[in-house]
Amino acid sequence: MNKLIVILMGGLSGERKISFLTGKTCSQALVKKGYKVVNLDAKGSFVQKLKKLKPKLVFNALHGKY
């Protein structure tokens, strides 16, 4: 079973810094539950990276617009 979860964080909005804090906190909680987690900055060509990872689930920790 693929237990990989990708956490989208950062991004392009003015809320970038708080998004990283949210994402890292979520990531730590999921790792404690036994999941493999990859934190991914949602800027640039992140969609290609996301497709290559083939996660079971994507958690959106983005804040603000975009």
Foldseek 3Di string as FASTA:
>chain_A
DFQEEEEEAQEDDPCRVVLVVQRVVVVVVVVVVPGHYHYFYPDDPRVVVVVVVPHPYYHYSYDDDD
